[in-house]
Amino acid sequence: MIIFKIDILKTLKEKGYNTTYLRKNKILSESTIQKIRNKDTSLTLKNLDVICAMLEMQPGDVVEYVDK
C-alpha cells in the first residue's frame, strides 16, 4: 500500500502555497486537493510531479510503499 510520508498541504503552505493559490492558478484541481486531504494516494504521476517540483523533493520523499 502506498501512503504519504508527509502532510503535503501543510508542507506546501510552509513553502507559501495555500489551497486558494493552488486552485486559483490551476496548479492542482479541487479533486486532487480533496484526495490529498483524505490521504487518498491515487494521484496521477503528473500531479505527483507538480507536488515534487513545488516542494523541491523526490517522489520517495513524499510517498512510500508499506506492507499491509
C-alpha atoms as a PDB file:
ATOM      1  CA  MET A   1       0.000   0.000   0.000  1.00  0.00           C
ATOM      2  CA  ILE A   2       1.290   3.456  -0.857  1.00  0.00           C
ATOM      3  CA  ILE A   3       0.996   6.172   1.804  1.00  0.00           C
ATOM      4  CA  PHE A   4       2.003   9.811   2.110  1.00  0.00           C
ATOM      5  CA  LYS A   5       5.182  10.276   4.147  1.00  0.00           C
ATOM      6  CA  ILE A   6       4.490  13.962   4.728  1.00  0.00           C
ATOM      7  CA  ASP A   7       1.500  16.242   5.187  1.00  0.00           C
ATOM      8  CA  ILE A   8       1.538  17.619   1.644  1.00  0.00           C
ATOM      9  CA  LEU A   9      -0.836  20.545   2.149  1.00  0.00           C
ATOM     10  CA  LYS A  10       0.928  21.652   5.333  1.00  0.00           C
ATOM     11  CA  THR A  11       4.320  21.444   3.618  1.00  0.00           C
ATOM     12  CA  LEU A  12       3.028  23.351   0.576  1.00  0.00           C
ATOM     13  CA  LYS A  13       1.643  26.028   2.903  1.00  0.00           C
ATOM     14  CA  GLU A  14       5.032  26.311   4.626  1.00  0.00           C
ATOM     15  CA  LYS A  15       6.524  26.963   1.163  1.00  0.00           C
ATOM     16  CA  GLY A  16       3.938  29.721   0.558  1.00  0.00           C
ATOM     17  CA  TYR A  17       1.350  27.756  -1.463  1.00  0.00           C
ATOM     18  CA  ASN A  18      -2.090  27.692   0.167  1.00  0.00           C
ATOM     19  CA  THR A  19      -5.053  25.831  -1.333  1.00  0.00           C
ATOM     20  CA  THR A  20      -6.646  29.019  -2.656  1.00  0.00           C
ATOM     21  CA  TYR A  21      -3.461  29.798  -4.576  1.00  0.00           C
ATOM     22  CA  LEU A  22      -3.268  26.228  -5.905  1.00  0.00           C
ATOM     23  CA  ARG A  23      -6.866  26.336  -7.150  1.00  0.00           C
ATOM     24  CA  LYS A  24      -6.845  29.910  -8.450  1.00  0.00           C
ATOM     25  CA  ASN A  25      -3.687  29.351 -10.505  1.00  0.00           C
ATOM     26  CA  LYS A  26      -4.894  25.915 -11.674  1.00  0.00           C
ATOM     27  CA  ILE A  27      -1.838  24.193 -10.230  1.00  0.00           C
ATOM     28  CA  LEU A  28      -3.867  21.442  -8.552  1.00  0.00           C
ATOM     29  CA  SER A  29      -7.570  20.771  -9.038  1.00  0.00           C
ATOM     30  CA  GLU A  30     -10.101  20.754  -6.217  1.00  0.00           C
ATOM     31  CA  SER A  31     -10.460  16.969  -6.606  1.00  0.00           C
ATOM     32  CA  THR A  32      -6.699  16.498  -6.226  1.00  0.00           C
ATOM     33  CA  ILE A  33      -6.642  18.721  -3.150  1.00  0.00           C
ATOM     34  CA  GLN A  34      -9.511  16.688  -1.671  1.00  0.00           C
ATOM     35  CA  LYS A  35      -7.647  13.436  -2.373  1.00  0.00           C
ATOM     36  CA  ILE A  36      -4.619  14.791  -0.528  1.00  0.00           C
ATOM     37  CA  ARG A  37      -6.799  15.930   2.402  1.00  0.00           C
ATOM     38  CA  ASN A  38      -8.389  12.468   2.580  1.00  0.00           C
ATOM     39  CA  LYS A  39      -4.986  10.739   2.371  1.00  0.00           C
ATOM     40  CA  ASP A  40      -6.071   9.156  -0.928  1.00  0.00           C
ATOM     41  CA  THR A  41      -2.827   8.373  -2.750  1.00  0.00           C
ATOM     42  CA  SER A  42      -4.429   7.763  -6.152  1.00  0.00           C
ATOM     43  CA  LEU A  43      -2.783  10.871  -7.599  1.00  0.00           C
ATOM     44  CA  THR A  44      -1.622  10.968 -11.187  1.00  0.00           C
ATOM     45  CA  LEU A  45       2.091  10.995 -11.871  1.00  0.00           C
ATOM     46  CA  LYS A  46       1.607  14.474 -13.338  1.00  0.00           C
ATOM     47  CA  ASN A  47       0.204  15.715 -10.014  1.00  0.00           C
ATOM     48  CA  LEU A  48       2.989  13.984  -8.094  1.00  0.00           C
ATOM     49  CA  ASP A  49       5.474  15.671 -10.439  1.00  0.00           C
ATOM     50  CA  VAL A  50       3.936  19.094  -9.741  1.00  0.00           C
ATOM     51  CA  ILE A  51       3.988  18.497  -5.978  1.00  0.00           C
ATOM     52  CA  CYS A  52       7.603  17.309  -6.041  1.00  0.00           C
ATOM     53  CA  ALA A  53       8.673  20.321  -8.111  1.00  0.00           C
ATOM     54  CA  MET A  54       6.929  22.782  -5.791  1.00  0.00           C
ATOM     55  CA  LEU A  55       8.374  21.156  -2.672  1.00  0.00           C
ATOM     56  CA  GLU A  56      11.793  20.535  -4.252  1.00  0.00           C
ATOM     57  CA  MET A  57      11.566  16.877  -3.217  1.00  0.00           C
ATOM     58  CA  GLN A  58      11.861  13.467  -4.826  1.00  0.00           C
ATOM     59  CA  PRO A  59       8.774  11.206  -5.066  1.00  0.00           C
ATOM     60  CA  GLY A  60      10.294   8.968  -2.379  1.00  0.00           C
ATOM     61  CA  ASP A  61      10.282  11.942  -0.017  1.00  0.00           C
ATOM     62  CA  VAL A  62       6.513  12.326  -0.499  1.00  0.00           C
ATOM     63  CA  VAL A  63       5.180   8.752  -0.726  1.00  0.00           C
ATOM     64  CA  GLU A  64       6.287   5.309   0.342  1.00  0.00           C
ATOM     65  CA  TYR A  65       5.184   1.699  -0.013  1.00  0.00           C
ATOM     66  CA  VAL A  66       4.350  -0.223   3.158  1.00  0.00           C
ATOM     67  CA  ASP A  67       3.100  -3.779   3.600  1.00  0.00           C
ATOM     68  CA  LYS A  68      -0.417  -4.038   4.950  1.00  0.00           C
END
